[in-house]
Structures are given as C-alpha cells and as structure tokens.
Amino acid sequence: MRLRRRVIQASLVVVGLSLFAAPAAAQSVNRAAIDDLNEQLLYVALPLTLFVELTLVYVIYRFRNNDDPKPTVDDPALEVTWTAATGAILVFVGVSAFVVMANPYITPAAAEASTDGDAFADDTEIDVLAYQWGWEFSYADTNVTTEERLVIPADENVTFRLQTTDVIHAIYIPQLGVKQDIFPGRTMTARTRATEPGEYRLYCAEMCGAGHSKMDATVVVKNQSAYDAWVENRTAAAG
C-alpha cells in the first residue's frame, strides 16, 4: 500500500514537471508550429492516459479476489457521456492538426497553388538538387552554387525548389521543422523562416541506396547582413 502511494505520487510529480517545464525555443516558424501542436495534444493526452491507467490499476486491485463476478449493467447515460467526450476530443485533435497542416510553411505547395504562384514572390528562392548521394544548392538571381552546405538568411522567408536526378529523396532539417519528399520528374516546394542564426544538420529521410547514410549537409543560418556579404563574396569569386 505504501509503495503504491509512493509510485502514484512520483508519477504525479513527473507529470506536473513535464507540464510546467519551459520548452526550448524553436529555431524556425515551422518548428514553432509543430511544437505548439505537440504541446496542445500533450495537454489532452496526458490527463486521459493517467485517468485510464489509474482506473485500470484501481480495478485490478479492487476486484483481485472476486471469484464470483456479476454481469455489468447497462448505463445509457454513461455510454452517451464517454462517446460524446471521445467525439469532442477527436474534433479538437482534427481541427488542431488541420490548422497546422494549412500553415503555408508546413504545406507551402497548397498555399502557392491557391494564390496562382504569387504567395512567395518576395521569398529568397533556392534550387535544391538531390542526387545519389549528395546535395547541390543554387541561389536564384546569383551565380552561386554550393554543395553539401546550405546558407540561408535569418528572419527571412526562404522557398526551396526541390528536384532529384535519380530516385526518391527527402529533405529533412529537424531543428527547422522542414521535411519534404522529392520525386523524380517533379519540382517540389518547401518553405521556412529561420529565427535563430547557427548551424544545423540536413539529412535525406528516404532510403535511396547504398550511400543513403552519408547523404547529409550543413545548414548555416546567417543574419541578413552576413548573408548578403556571403552572397557578394561568392558571386565575386564565381565571376
């Protein structure tokens, strides 16, 4: 009995700390939208999980020596209540997920199609070419191309035009919340706005052959002045 109480108390303390712990700051608007959704779902899922598990433990303990169980009695009010509660929770989860999926940073292709391609006219545009097993980045309106190193400005909208020369690949930048499959013969679109200068890792998230594990790159986020200087230096070097 004493051990069970301590376990329950420890569980409640852990849950409380997880609910009130301050999350790490997101490095992009994509990551912020995804983290906000996860936080909303956590507030719904955690109390339900605790309720179900504690009820299960109570029932197992309460009726552990019941050698003559009685059949359950219908309770229409209870059944309607839990059905309505489940429906309300599913509606909340569905609406929350839809709002995030409709975000132009999470699903940029749909947002661009709805505005006849003018939605991202002011974005910094970068052409991304995936191949077995590497990455090439070409910066629009400049004579700059890099390999295995992607440089983008901070606090600016960036649109990626993604193509592959061979098989299916997928660009994945975990800390920026960017992930998009790339299909042969098609131009895919990804979008982000990084908020924290620094270096991040880019991976291919689609099994694409023997060298898949080595298909990564570095993403460098610079403030606007440093990015402009970098582009100018690379353009002058290419010229």
Protein backbone atom coordinates (compact mmCIF):
# COMPACT_ATOMS: atom_id res chain seq x y z
CA MET A 1 0.00 0.00 0.00
CA ARG A 2 2.74 2.45 0.97
CA LEU A 3 4.78 1.54 -2.11
CA ARG A 4 1.78 2.09 -4.38
CA ARG A 5 1.16 5.52 -2.90
CA ARG A 6 4.77 6.50 -3.47
CA VAL A 7 4.63 5.33 -7.07
CA ILE A 8 1.47 7.35 -7.69
CA GLN A 9 2.94 10.43 -6.02
CA ALA A 10 6.16 10.14 -8.03
CA SER A 11 4.14 9.78 -11.25
CA LEU A 12 2.11 12.90 -10.46
CA VAL A 13 5.29 14.86 -9.74
CA VAL A 14 6.85 13.80 -13.06
CA VAL A 15 3.66 14.71 -14.93
CA GLY A 16 3.48 18.09 -13.22
CA LEU A 17 7.10 18.89 -14.05
CA SER A 18 6.61 17.91 -17.69
CA LEU A 19 3.55 20.14 -17.99
CA PHE A 20 5.16 23.20 -16.47
CA ALA A 21 8.68 22.82 -17.87
CA ALA A 22 9.53 25.59 -20.33
CA PRO A 23 10.12 24.13 -23.83
CA ALA A 24 13.26 25.01 -25.76
CA ALA A 25 12.87 27.95 -28.12
CA ALA A 26 12.06 26.90 -31.69
CA GLN A 27 14.62 27.76 -34.38
CA SER A 28 12.03 28.45 -37.12
CA VAL A 29 8.36 29.19 -37.62
CA ASN A 30 7.90 25.62 -38.90
CA ARG A 31 9.36 24.16 -35.73
CA ALA A 32 7.28 26.53 -33.58
CA ALA A 33 4.03 25.45 -35.28
CA ILE A 34 4.87 21.76 -34.85
CA ASP A 35 5.93 22.21 -31.22
CA ASP A 36 2.73 24.15 -30.42
CA LEU A 37 0.63 21.33 -31.87
CA ASN A 38 2.53 18.71 -29.88
CA GLU A 39 2.05 20.76 -26.71
CA GLN A 40 -1.70 21.07 -27.28
CA LEU A 41 -2.03 17.33 -27.87
CA LEU A 42 0.06 16.61 -24.78
CA TYR A 43 -2.35 18.57 -22.58
CA VAL A 44 -5.18 16.38 -23.91
CA ALA A 45 -3.41 13.02 -23.99
CA LEU A 46 -1.66 13.13 -20.64
CA PRO A 47 -4.75 13.50 -18.38
CA LEU A 48 -6.57 10.84 -20.40
CA THR A 49 -3.66 8.44 -20.12
CA LEU A 50 -3.40 9.00 -16.37
CA PHE A 51 -7.15 8.53 -15.93
CA VAL A 52 -7.22 5.28 -17.88
CA GLU A 53 -4.10 3.82 -16.25
CA LEU A 54 -5.12 4.77 -12.69
CA THR A 55 -8.62 3.38 -13.29
CA LEU A 56 -7.08 0.16 -14.60
CA VAL A 57 -4.82 -0.16 -11.55
CA TYR A 58 -7.76 0.51 -9.21
CA VAL A 59 -9.99 -2.08 -10.89
CA ILE A 60 -7.26 -4.73 -10.87
CA TYR A 61 -6.62 -4.12 -7.18
CA ARG A 62 -10.26 -3.67 -6.15
CA PHE A 63 -11.51 -6.88 -7.78
CA ARG A 64 -8.39 -9.01 -7.49
CA ASN A 65 -10.14 -11.61 -5.30
CA ASN A 66 -13.55 -11.53 -6.96
CA ASP A 67 -14.35 -15.20 -7.59
CA ASP A 68 -17.99 -14.57 -8.41
CA PRO A 69 -18.15 -11.67 -10.90
CA LYS A 70 -21.53 -10.21 -11.74
CA PRO A 71 -22.53 -9.11 -15.27
CA THR A 72 -22.33 -5.40 -15.95
CA VAL A 73 -25.50 -3.32 -16.05
CA ASP A 74 -26.30 -1.06 -18.98
CA ASP A 75 -25.84 2.62 -18.23
CA PRO A 76 -27.01 4.65 -21.27
CA ALA A 77 -26.10 7.98 -19.67
CA LEU A 78 -22.50 6.84 -19.09
CA GLU A 79 -22.23 5.43 -22.60
CA VAL A 80 -23.52 8.66 -24.17
CA THR A 81 -21.14 10.67 -22.00
CA TRP A 82 -17.96 8.83 -22.96
CA THR A 83 -18.99 8.69 -26.64
CA ALA A 84 -19.61 12.45 -26.71
CA ALA A 85 -16.35 13.13 -24.84
CA THR A 86 -14.41 10.97 -27.29
CA GLY A 87 -16.04 12.75 -30.23
CA ALA A 88 -15.18 16.16 -28.78
CA ILE A 89 -11.55 15.13 -28.26
CA LEU A 90 -11.26 13.82 -31.83
CA VAL A 91 -12.74 17.05 -33.20
CA PHE A 92 -10.24 19.08 -31.18
CA VAL A 93 -7.32 16.96 -32.41
CA GLY A 94 -8.54 17.12 -36.02
CA VAL A 95 -9.04 20.90 -36.02
CA SER A 96 -5.67 21.50 -34.34
CA ALA A 97 -3.88 19.30 -36.87
CA PHE A 98 -5.72 20.91 -39.80
CA VAL A 99 -4.70 24.41 -38.69
CA VAL A 100 -1.04 23.34 -38.63
CA MET A 101 -1.24 21.48 -41.95
CA ALA A 102 -2.83 24.55 -43.56
CA ASN A 103 0.12 26.68 -42.44
CA PRO A 104 1.95 27.93 -45.59
CA TYR A 105 5.27 26.96 -44.02
CA ILE A 106 4.15 23.38 -43.36
CA THR A 107 2.29 22.82 -46.66
CA PRO A 108 3.64 25.51 -48.99
CA ALA A 109 2.55 23.87 -52.25
CA ALA A 110 -1.15 24.16 -51.36
CA ALA A 111 -0.78 27.80 -50.30
CA GLU A 112 1.07 28.63 -53.51
CA ALA A 113 -1.50 26.91 -55.71
CA SER A 114 -4.34 28.85 -54.08
CA THR A 115 -2.73 32.18 -54.99
CA ASP A 116 -1.62 31.34 -58.56
CA GLY A 117 2.03 31.20 -57.52
CA ASP A 118 2.26 34.77 -56.18
CA ALA A 119 2.30 33.87 -52.48
CA PHE A 120 6.08 33.55 -52.25
CA ALA A 121 7.17 36.20 -54.75
CA ASP A 122 9.22 38.06 -52.13
CA ASP A 123 10.91 34.97 -50.70
CA THR A 124 14.59 34.13 -51.04
CA GLU A 125 14.48 31.26 -53.53
CA ILE A 126 16.97 28.40 -53.56
CA ASP A 127 17.00 25.50 -56.02
CA VAL A 128 17.87 22.21 -54.32
CA LEU A 129 19.11 19.29 -56.41
CA ALA A 130 19.27 15.88 -54.75
CA TYR A 131 21.26 13.04 -56.22
CA GLN A 132 22.85 9.79 -55.11
CA TRP A 133 24.32 10.70 -52.66
CA GLY A 134 24.63 14.43 -52.18
CA TRP A 135 23.04 17.85 -52.33
CA GLU A 136 23.54 20.87 -54.60
CA PHE A 137 22.13 24.30 -53.78
CA SER A 138 21.72 27.08 -56.37
CA TYR A 139 20.75 30.56 -55.24
CA ALA A 140 18.31 32.35 -57.54
CA ASP A 141 19.39 35.64 -59.19
CA THR A 142 23.02 34.95 -58.30
CA ASN A 143 25.80 32.91 -59.82
CA VAL A 144 26.28 30.98 -56.59
CA THR A 145 26.12 27.21 -56.21
CA THR A 146 27.21 25.20 -53.19
CA GLU A 147 27.41 21.51 -52.39
CA GLU A 148 26.75 19.90 -49.01
CA ARG A 149 26.40 23.38 -47.44
CA LEU A 150 23.19 25.40 -47.48
CA VAL A 151 23.30 29.04 -46.39
CA ILE A 152 20.07 30.97 -45.69
CA PRO A 153 19.24 34.34 -44.09
CA ALA A 154 17.65 34.57 -40.66
CA ASP A 155 14.20 36.14 -40.21
CA GLU A 156 13.53 35.96 -43.95
CA ASN A 157 11.15 33.68 -45.83
CA VAL A 158 13.04 31.09 -47.84
CA THR A 159 11.46 28.88 -50.52
CA PHE A 160 13.19 25.72 -51.70
CA ARG A 161 12.51 24.31 -55.19
CA LEU A 162 13.37 20.65 -54.88
CA GLN A 163 14.33 18.25 -57.68
CA THR A 164 16.09 14.90 -57.92
CA THR A 165 18.22 13.48 -60.72
CA ASP A 166 17.56 9.83 -59.95
CA VAL A 167 15.48 8.20 -57.20
CA ILE A 168 13.12 9.45 -54.49
CA HIS A 169 14.85 11.53 -51.83
CA ALA A 170 13.53 13.61 -48.91
CA ILE A 171 15.00 16.79 -47.48
CA TYR A 172 14.86 16.83 -43.69
CA ILE A 173 16.13 19.58 -41.38
CA PRO A 174 14.87 18.50 -37.94
CA GLN A 175 15.69 21.65 -35.96
CA LEU A 176 13.98 23.87 -38.56
CA GLY A 177 10.94 21.62 -38.95
CA VAL A 178 11.49 21.17 -42.70
CA LYS A 179 10.68 17.84 -44.35
CA GLN A 180 9.60 17.18 -47.93
CA ASP A 181 9.76 14.18 -50.25
CA ILE A 182 11.37 14.78 -53.66
CA PHE A 183 10.06 12.74 -56.60
CA PRO A 184 11.76 12.20 -59.97
CA GLY A 185 10.33 14.35 -62.76
CA ARG A 186 8.60 16.78 -60.39
CA THR A 187 9.52 20.05 -58.68
CA MET A 188 8.53 20.01 -55.02
CA THR A 189 8.34 23.01 -52.71
CA ALA A 190 9.44 23.52 -49.11
CA ARG A 191 9.48 26.75 -47.13
CA THR A 192 10.81 28.09 -43.85
CA ARG A 193 11.78 31.18 -41.91
CA ALA A 194 14.65 30.50 -39.56
CA THR A 195 14.72 32.66 -36.44
CA GLU A 196 17.99 31.61 -34.81
CA PRO A 197 21.37 32.03 -36.57
CA GLY A 198 23.56 28.98 -36.25
CA GLU A 199 24.46 25.67 -37.87
CA TYR A 200 22.02 22.79 -38.32
CA ARG A 201 22.09 19.38 -39.94
CA LEU A 202 20.27 18.38 -43.12
CA TYR A 203 19.54 14.73 -43.94
CA CYS A 204 17.94 12.64 -46.62
CA ALA A 205 14.96 10.97 -44.94
CA GLU A 206 14.20 8.48 -47.72
CA MET A 207 16.16 5.27 -48.21
CA CYS A 208 17.87 5.95 -51.54
CA GLY A 209 20.59 3.35 -51.92
CA ALA A 210 23.90 2.20 -50.51
CA GLY A 211 25.16 5.71 -49.73
CA HIS A 212 21.97 6.93 -48.03
CA SER A 213 23.57 7.22 -44.58
CA LYS A 214 26.19 9.62 -45.95
CA MET A 215 23.69 11.90 -47.70
CA ASP A 216 23.72 14.83 -45.32
CA ALA A 217 24.68 18.50 -45.40
CA THR A 218 25.19 21.53 -43.15
CA VAL A 219 22.64 24.34 -42.97
CA VAL A 220 24.07 27.71 -41.96
CA VAL A 221 21.66 30.45 -40.88
CA LYS A 222 23.21 33.93 -41.03
CA ASN A 223 21.77 37.32 -40.15
CA GLN A 224 20.80 39.38 -43.18
CA SER A 225 23.95 41.50 -43.41
CA ALA A 226 26.22 38.46 -43.06
CA TYR A 227 24.17 36.58 -45.65
CA ASP A 228 24.35 39.47 -48.13
CA ALA A 229 28.11 39.70 -47.62
CA TRP A 230 28.45 35.94 -48.15
CA VAL A 231 26.46 36.06 -51.39
CA GLU A 232 28.51 39.02 -52.63
CA ASN A 233 31.79 37.27 -51.86
CA ARG A 234 30.69 34.02 -53.53
CA THR A 235 29.40 35.89 -56.57
CA ALA A 236 32.66 37.78 -56.93
CA ALA A 237 34.63 34.53 -56.58
CA ALA A 238 32.47 32.80 -59.19
CA GLY A 239 32.88 35.76 -61.54
